[in-house]
């Protein structure tokens, strides 16, 4: 009988801890096949989705891109650009964004940040895609 009580208590504690520290599902990810070479000269195209738990909203989305092989310290140089655009409030899909670069045939690194906020607590979080590369047309 004592063994059963200890087992029940241990299972209850494990269930409580698992529930109390459950991870959120907030995430940003690329749409399959993106980023990709654009259809017009010197461009690449970025597209993806943001998935949010209840009580979270998207405040903005920003794409960062820079020439492949350049040091991160060049983030503020002419070789890096930043664009902001929105996402569909219901689906979380962000519009296809055409990123224009200075020259054709250039390999670019691209990351996208989504700025989200909890509508109940006001907590703000930045989600970031995995970095990917695409070559300008």
N, C-alpha and C. Protein backbone atom coordinates (compact mmCIF):
# COMPACT_ATOMS: atom_id res chain seq x y z
N UNK A 1 0.82 -1.19 0.00
CA UNK A 1 0.00 0.00 0.00
C UNK A 1 0.86 1.26 0.00
N UNK A 2 1.94 1.24 0.79
CA UNK A 2 2.83 2.40 0.86
C UNK A 2 3.49 2.61 -0.49
N UNK A 3 3.90 1.53 -1.14
CA UNK A 3 4.55 1.61 -2.45
C UNK A 3 3.60 2.26 -3.46
N UNK A 4 2.31 1.92 -3.41
CA UNK A 4 1.32 2.49 -4.32
C UNK A 4 1.17 3.99 -4.08
N UNK A 5 1.18 4.42 -2.84
CA UNK A 5 1.07 5.85 -2.52
C UNK A 5 2.28 6.62 -3.07
N UNK A 6 3.47 6.05 -2.86
CA UNK A 6 4.67 6.72 -3.37
C UNK A 6 4.64 6.81 -4.89
N UNK A 7 4.20 5.74 -5.53
CA UNK A 7 4.12 5.72 -6.99
C UNK A 7 3.10 6.75 -7.47
N UNK A 8 1.96 6.84 -6.81
CA UNK A 8 0.93 7.82 -7.19
C UNK A 8 1.44 9.24 -6.96
N UNK A 9 2.14 9.47 -5.86
CA UNK A 9 2.69 10.80 -5.59
C UNK A 9 3.75 11.18 -6.61
N UNK A 10 4.60 10.24 -6.96
CA UNK A 10 5.66 10.50 -7.95
C UNK A 10 5.05 10.82 -9.31
N UNK A 11 4.04 10.07 -9.71
CA UNK A 11 3.37 10.32 -11.01
C UNK A 11 2.69 11.68 -11.01
N UNK A 12 2.04 12.03 -9.91
CA UNK A 12 1.38 13.34 -9.82
C UNK A 12 2.39 14.47 -9.90
N UNK A 13 3.51 14.33 -9.21
CA UNK A 13 4.56 15.36 -9.24
C UNK A 13 5.14 15.49 -10.64
N UNK A 14 5.38 14.39 -11.30
CA UNK A 14 5.91 14.41 -12.67
C UNK A 14 4.93 15.08 -13.62
N UNK A 15 3.67 14.79 -13.50
CA UNK A 15 2.64 15.39 -14.34
C UNK A 15 2.57 16.90 -14.09
N UNK A 16 2.62 17.31 -12.82
CA UNK A 16 2.58 18.72 -12.48
C UNK A 16 3.78 19.45 -13.08
N UNK A 17 4.96 18.91 -12.91
CA UNK A 17 6.18 19.56 -13.43
C UNK A 17 6.14 19.64 -14.96
N UNK A 18 5.69 18.61 -15.59
CA UNK A 18 5.62 18.60 -17.04
C UNK A 18 4.64 19.65 -17.54
N UNK A 19 3.52 19.82 -16.87
CA UNK A 19 2.53 20.81 -17.25
C UNK A 19 3.02 22.22 -16.94
N UNK A 20 3.61 22.39 -15.78
CA UNK A 20 4.03 23.72 -15.35
C UNK A 20 5.14 24.29 -16.23
N UNK A 21 5.98 23.45 -16.78
CA UNK A 21 7.10 23.92 -17.57
C UNK A 21 6.98 23.55 -19.05
N UNK A 22 5.76 23.36 -19.52
CA UNK A 22 5.55 23.00 -20.92
C UNK A 22 6.08 24.12 -21.82
N UNK A 23 6.72 23.73 -22.90
CA UNK A 23 7.27 24.72 -23.82
C UNK A 23 6.17 25.27 -24.72
N UNK A 24 6.37 26.52 -25.14
CA UNK A 24 5.41 27.14 -26.04
C UNK A 24 5.64 26.65 -27.46
N UNK A 25 4.69 26.94 -28.32
CA UNK A 25 4.78 26.54 -29.72
C UNK A 25 5.13 27.72 -30.61
N UNK A 26 5.42 28.88 -30.03
CA UNK A 26 5.76 30.04 -30.84
C UNK A 26 6.97 29.70 -31.70
N UNK A 27 6.82 29.86 -33.02
CA UNK A 27 7.94 29.56 -33.91
C UNK A 27 7.82 30.33 -35.22
N UNK A 28 8.95 30.49 -35.87
CA UNK A 28 8.99 31.07 -37.20
C UNK A 28 9.73 30.07 -38.08
N UNK A 29 9.24 29.87 -39.29
CA UNK A 29 9.93 28.94 -40.18
C UNK A 29 9.73 29.35 -41.62
N UNK A 30 10.65 28.90 -42.45
CA UNK A 30 10.61 29.16 -43.88
C UNK A 30 9.53 28.32 -44.55
N UNK A 31 8.89 28.88 -45.57
CA UNK A 31 8.03 28.09 -46.44
C UNK A 31 8.96 27.20 -47.26
N UNK A 32 8.56 25.97 -47.53
CA UNK A 32 9.38 25.04 -48.30
C UNK A 32 9.81 25.68 -49.62
N UNK A 33 11.10 25.59 -49.92
CA UNK A 33 11.63 26.14 -51.17
C UNK A 33 12.10 27.58 -51.08
N UNK A 34 11.94 28.20 -49.91
CA UNK A 34 12.37 29.59 -49.71
C UNK A 34 13.53 29.63 -48.73
N UNK A 35 14.35 30.65 -48.81
CA UNK A 35 14.39 31.70 -49.81
C UNK A 35 14.85 31.14 -51.15
N UNK A 36 14.55 31.86 -52.21
CA UNK A 36 14.90 31.38 -53.54
C UNK A 36 15.27 32.55 -54.44
N UNK A 37 15.85 32.21 -55.59
CA UNK A 37 16.20 33.22 -56.57
C UNK A 37 14.95 33.92 -57.07
N UNK A 38 15.00 35.24 -57.17
CA UNK A 38 13.86 36.01 -57.65
C UNK A 38 13.65 35.86 -59.14
N UNK A 39 12.56 36.42 -59.63
CA UNK A 39 12.24 36.34 -61.06
C UNK A 39 12.73 37.55 -61.84
N UNK A 40 13.14 38.60 -61.12
CA UNK A 40 13.70 39.77 -61.79
C UNK A 40 15.16 39.94 -61.35
N UNK A 41 15.92 40.70 -62.10
CA UNK A 41 17.35 40.85 -61.87
C UNK A 41 17.74 41.27 -60.46
N UNK A 42 18.84 40.69 -59.97
CA UNK A 42 19.46 41.01 -58.69
C UNK A 42 18.53 40.87 -57.49
N UNK A 43 17.66 39.86 -57.49
CA UNK A 43 16.72 39.66 -56.38
C UNK A 43 16.73 38.24 -55.85
N UNK A 44 16.34 38.11 -54.60
CA UNK A 44 15.98 36.83 -53.99
C UNK A 44 14.62 37.05 -53.32
N UNK A 45 13.91 35.96 -53.04
CA UNK A 45 12.56 36.06 -52.47
C UNK A 45 12.51 35.26 -51.18
N UNK A 46 11.95 35.87 -50.12
CA UNK A 46 11.81 35.23 -48.81
C UNK A 46 10.33 35.06 -48.49
N UNK A 47 9.98 33.93 -47.87
CA UNK A 47 8.59 33.69 -47.46
C UNK A 47 8.58 32.62 -46.37
N UNK A 48 7.63 32.75 -45.41
CA UNK A 48 7.52 31.78 -44.34
C UNK A 48 6.28 32.00 -43.51
N UNK A 49 6.24 31.38 -42.33
CA UNK A 49 5.10 31.52 -41.44
C UNK A 49 5.56 31.68 -39.99
N UNK A 50 4.70 32.32 -39.22
CA UNK A 50 4.90 32.44 -37.78
C UNK A 50 3.71 31.75 -37.13
N UNK A 51 3.98 30.81 -36.22
CA UNK A 51 2.94 30.10 -35.49
C UNK A 51 3.01 30.54 -34.04
N UNK A 52 1.86 30.97 -33.49
CA UNK A 52 1.84 31.51 -32.14
C UNK A 52 0.86 30.77 -31.24
N UNK A 53 1.20 30.71 -29.96
CA UNK A 53 0.28 30.22 -28.95
C UNK A 53 -0.81 31.26 -28.74
N UNK A 54 -1.85 30.86 -28.01
CA UNK A 54 -2.91 31.81 -27.65
C UNK A 54 -2.31 32.96 -26.87
N UNK A 55 -2.89 34.13 -26.99
CA UNK A 55 -2.49 35.34 -26.27
C UNK A 55 -1.19 35.95 -26.78
N UNK A 56 -0.72 35.58 -27.95
CA UNK A 56 0.46 36.19 -28.55
C UNK A 56 0.06 36.86 -29.85
N UNK A 57 0.75 37.95 -30.19
CA UNK A 57 0.48 38.64 -31.45
C UNK A 57 1.81 39.00 -32.11
N UNK A 58 1.76 39.21 -33.42
CA UNK A 58 2.95 39.60 -34.18
C UNK A 58 2.99 41.13 -34.25
N UNK A 59 4.10 41.71 -33.82
CA UNK A 59 4.29 43.15 -33.91
C UNK A 59 5.02 43.56 -35.18
N UNK A 60 5.74 42.64 -35.78
CA UNK A 60 6.47 42.96 -37.00
C UNK A 60 7.38 41.83 -37.41
N UNK A 61 7.81 41.87 -38.65
CA UNK A 61 8.72 40.88 -39.20
C UNK A 61 9.78 41.62 -39.98
N UNK A 62 11.04 41.22 -39.81
CA UNK A 62 12.15 41.88 -40.49
C UNK A 62 13.06 40.84 -41.13
N UNK A 63 13.44 41.09 -42.37
CA UNK A 63 14.40 40.23 -43.07
C UNK A 63 15.75 40.92 -43.09
N UNK A 64 16.79 40.17 -42.78
CA UNK A 64 18.16 40.67 -42.85
C UNK A 64 18.90 39.83 -43.87
N UNK A 65 19.66 40.46 -44.75
CA UNK A 65 20.46 39.67 -45.70
C UNK A 65 21.77 40.37 -45.98
N UNK A 66 22.77 39.54 -46.28
CA UNK A 66 24.11 40.06 -46.53
C UNK A 66 24.84 39.12 -47.46
N UNK A 67 25.84 39.65 -48.09
CA UNK A 67 26.60 38.88 -49.07
C UNK A 67 27.32 37.73 -48.40
N UNK A 68 27.24 36.56 -49.02
CA UNK A 68 27.87 35.37 -48.51
C UNK A 68 29.37 35.57 -48.36
N UNK A 69 29.91 35.14 -47.23
CA UNK A 69 31.34 35.23 -47.01
C UNK A 69 31.78 36.51 -46.33
N UNK A 70 30.92 37.48 -46.17
CA UNK A 70 31.28 38.73 -45.49
C UNK A 70 31.17 38.51 -43.98
N UNK A 71 31.96 39.25 -43.23
CA UNK A 71 31.94 39.14 -41.78
C UNK A 71 30.66 39.75 -41.22
N UNK A 72 30.20 39.22 -40.10
CA UNK A 72 29.00 39.72 -39.45
C UNK A 72 29.17 41.18 -39.07
N UNK A 73 30.37 41.63 -38.84
CA UNK A 73 30.61 43.02 -38.48
C UNK A 73 30.15 43.98 -39.56
N UNK A 74 29.95 43.51 -40.75
CA UNK A 74 29.47 44.34 -41.85
C UNK A 74 27.95 44.49 -41.82
N UNK A 75 27.32 44.09 -40.75
CA UNK A 75 25.85 44.14 -40.66
C UNK A 75 25.29 45.53 -40.90
N UNK A 76 26.05 46.58 -40.58
CA UNK A 76 25.56 47.94 -40.78
C UNK A 76 26.12 48.58 -42.06
N UNK A 77 26.84 47.82 -42.84
CA UNK A 77 27.45 48.38 -44.04
C UNK A 77 26.48 48.38 -45.21
N UNK A 78 26.94 48.88 -46.34
CA UNK A 78 26.11 48.91 -47.54
C UNK A 78 25.79 47.51 -48.06
N UNK A 79 26.48 46.50 -47.53
CA UNK A 79 26.27 45.13 -48.01
C UNK A 79 25.13 44.42 -47.31
N UNK A 80 24.55 45.04 -46.32
CA UNK A 80 23.45 44.42 -45.59
C UNK A 80 22.22 45.30 -45.68
N UNK A 81 21.07 44.68 -45.84
CA UNK A 81 19.83 45.44 -45.93
C UNK A 81 18.84 44.89 -44.91
N UNK A 82 17.86 45.69 -44.58
CA UNK A 82 16.82 45.30 -43.62
C UNK A 82 15.48 45.77 -44.18
N UNK A 83 14.52 44.87 -44.24
CA UNK A 83 13.18 45.22 -44.69
C UNK A 83 12.17 44.73 -43.67
N UNK A 84 11.13 45.49 -43.46
CA UNK A 84 10.07 45.09 -42.54
C UNK A 84 8.77 44.87 -43.32
N UNK A 85 8.03 43.87 -42.93
CA UNK A 85 6.74 43.62 -43.55
C UNK A 85 5.87 42.85 -42.59
N UNK A 86 4.60 42.71 -42.90
CA UNK A 86 3.65 42.12 -41.98
C UNK A 86 3.33 40.67 -42.26
N UNK A 87 2.48 40.12 -41.43
CA UNK A 87 2.02 38.74 -41.57
C UNK A 87 0.51 38.71 -41.43
N UNK A 88 -0.11 37.71 -42.05
CA UNK A 88 -1.55 37.53 -41.94
C UNK A 88 -1.89 37.19 -40.49
N UNK A 89 -2.79 37.94 -39.88
CA UNK A 89 -3.13 37.75 -38.46
C UNK A 89 -3.74 36.38 -38.17
N UNK A 90 -4.43 35.79 -39.13
CA UNK A 90 -5.09 34.50 -38.91
C UNK A 90 -4.17 33.32 -39.17
N UNK A 91 -3.40 33.36 -40.26
CA UNK A 91 -2.58 32.21 -40.64
C UNK A 91 -1.13 32.34 -40.22
N UNK A 92 -0.67 33.56 -39.95
CA UNK A 92 0.73 33.78 -39.60
C UNK A 92 1.66 33.77 -40.80
N UNK A 93 1.11 33.58 -42.01
CA UNK A 93 1.96 33.54 -43.20
C UNK A 93 2.42 34.95 -43.54
N UNK A 94 3.71 35.11 -43.80
CA UNK A 94 4.18 36.43 -44.21
C UNK A 94 4.22 36.48 -45.71
N UNK A 95 3.99 37.67 -46.22
CA UNK A 95 3.91 37.86 -47.67
C UNK A 95 5.28 37.56 -48.29
N UNK A 96 5.25 37.19 -49.56
CA UNK A 96 6.49 36.97 -50.28
C UNK A 96 7.21 38.31 -50.41
N UNK A 97 8.44 38.35 -49.96
CA UNK A 97 9.20 39.60 -49.98
C UNK A 97 10.34 39.49 -50.97
N UNK A 98 10.42 40.43 -51.89
CA UNK A 98 11.51 40.47 -52.87
C UNK A 98 12.63 41.32 -52.27
N UNK A 99 13.79 40.71 -52.09
CA UNK A 99 14.96 41.39 -51.55
C UNK A 99 15.87 41.76 -52.71
N UNK A 100 16.11 43.03 -52.90
CA UNK A 100 16.91 43.52 -54.03
C UNK A 100 18.35 43.72 -53.59
N UNK A 101 19.28 43.27 -54.41
CA UNK A 101 20.70 43.42 -54.10
C UNK A 101 21.39 44.16 -55.24
N UNK A 102 22.66 44.50 -55.04
CA UNK A 102 23.38 45.33 -56.00
C UNK A 102 23.80 44.60 -57.27
N UNK A 103 23.97 43.30 -57.21
CA UNK A 103 24.46 42.60 -58.40
C UNK A 103 23.85 41.22 -58.53
N UNK A 104 23.76 40.78 -59.77
CA UNK A 104 23.21 39.45 -60.08
C UNK A 104 24.24 38.38 -59.77
N UNK A 105 23.76 37.16 -59.51
CA UNK A 105 24.64 36.03 -59.29
C UNK A 105 25.37 36.06 -57.95
N UNK A 106 24.87 36.81 -56.98
CA UNK A 106 25.50 36.93 -55.67
C UNK A 106 24.79 36.03 -54.67
N UNK A 107 25.57 35.25 -53.94
CA UNK A 107 25.01 34.39 -52.90
C UNK A 107 24.79 35.24 -51.64
N UNK A 108 23.56 35.21 -51.12
CA UNK A 108 23.21 36.00 -49.93
C UNK A 108 22.79 35.11 -48.78
N UNK A 109 23.19 35.48 -47.58
CA UNK A 109 22.70 34.85 -46.35
C UNK A 109 21.45 35.61 -45.94
N UNK A 110 20.45 34.89 -45.45
CA UNK A 110 19.18 35.53 -45.09
C UNK A 110 18.68 34.95 -43.78
N UNK A 111 18.25 35.83 -42.87
CA UNK A 111 17.53 35.43 -41.67
C UNK A 111 16.32 36.35 -41.54
N UNK A 112 15.28 35.85 -40.92
CA UNK A 112 14.07 36.64 -40.72
C UNK A 112 13.72 36.61 -39.24
N UNK A 113 13.46 37.77 -38.68
CA UNK A 113 13.04 37.90 -37.28
C UNK A 113 11.56 38.25 -37.22
N UNK A 114 10.85 37.64 -36.29
CA UNK A 114 9.47 38.01 -35.99
C UNK A 114 9.45 38.54 -34.57
N UNK A 115 8.86 39.72 -34.40
CA UNK A 115 8.77 40.35 -33.09
C UNK A 115 7.36 40.10 -32.56
N UNK A 116 7.27 39.34 -31.47
CA UNK A 116 5.96 38.94 -30.95
C UNK A 116 5.79 39.46 -29.53
N UNK A 117 4.53 39.55 -29.11
CA UNK A 117 4.21 40.07 -27.78
C UNK A 117 3.04 39.31 -27.18
N UNK A 118 3.15 39.01 -25.89
CA UNK A 118 2.06 38.38 -25.18
C UNK A 118 1.05 39.46 -24.82
N UNK A 119 -0.19 39.28 -25.26
CA UNK A 119 -1.22 40.31 -25.07
C UNK A 119 -1.69 40.43 -23.63
N UNK A 120 -1.41 39.42 -22.80
CA UNK A 120 -1.82 39.48 -21.39
C UNK A 120 -0.70 40.02 -20.49
N UNK A 121 0.53 39.60 -20.75
CA UNK A 121 1.64 39.98 -19.86
C UNK A 121 2.50 41.11 -20.41
N UNK A 122 2.42 41.36 -21.72
CA UNK A 122 3.26 42.37 -22.34
C UNK A 122 4.67 41.89 -22.66
N UNK A 123 4.97 40.62 -22.35
CA UNK A 123 6.29 40.07 -22.64
C UNK A 123 6.57 40.13 -24.14
N UNK A 124 7.76 40.60 -24.51
CA UNK A 124 8.15 40.69 -25.91
C UNK A 124 9.28 39.72 -26.19
N UNK A 125 9.19 39.04 -27.35
CA UNK A 125 10.16 38.02 -27.74
C UNK A 125 10.48 38.19 -29.21
N UNK A 126 11.72 37.90 -29.59
CA UNK A 126 12.11 37.87 -31.00
C UNK A 126 12.34 36.42 -31.41
N UNK A 127 11.66 35.99 -32.45
CA UNK A 127 11.87 34.66 -33.03
C UNK A 127 12.73 34.84 -34.28
N UNK A 128 13.64 33.92 -34.56
CA UNK A 128 14.51 34.03 -35.73
C UNK A 128 14.52 32.72 -36.50
N UNK A 129 14.45 32.84 -37.84
CA UNK A 129 14.56 31.65 -38.68
C UNK A 129 15.97 31.11 -38.64
N UNK A 130 16.12 29.88 -39.09
CA UNK A 130 17.44 29.36 -39.35
C UNK A 130 18.02 30.13 -40.52
N UNK A 131 19.32 30.43 -40.51
CA UNK A 131 19.89 31.15 -41.66
C UNK A 131 19.88 30.26 -42.90
N UNK A 132 19.60 30.87 -44.03
CA UNK A 132 19.64 30.15 -45.31
C UNK A 132 20.32 31.04 -46.34
N UNK A 133 20.65 30.46 -47.47
CA UNK A 133 21.26 31.23 -48.54
C UNK A 133 20.44 31.11 -49.81
N UNK A 134 20.53 32.14 -50.64
CA UNK A 134 19.91 32.14 -51.97
C UNK A 134 20.80 33.00 -52.86
N UNK A 135 20.72 32.75 -54.15
CA UNK A 135 21.55 33.50 -55.10
C UNK A 135 20.66 34.43 -55.92
N UNK A 136 21.12 35.68 -56.07
CA UNK A 136 20.35 36.65 -56.84
C UNK A 136 20.34 36.25 -58.30
N UNK A 137 19.26 36.64 -58.99
CA UNK A 137 19.12 36.33 -60.41
C UNK A 137 20.01 37.24 -61.21
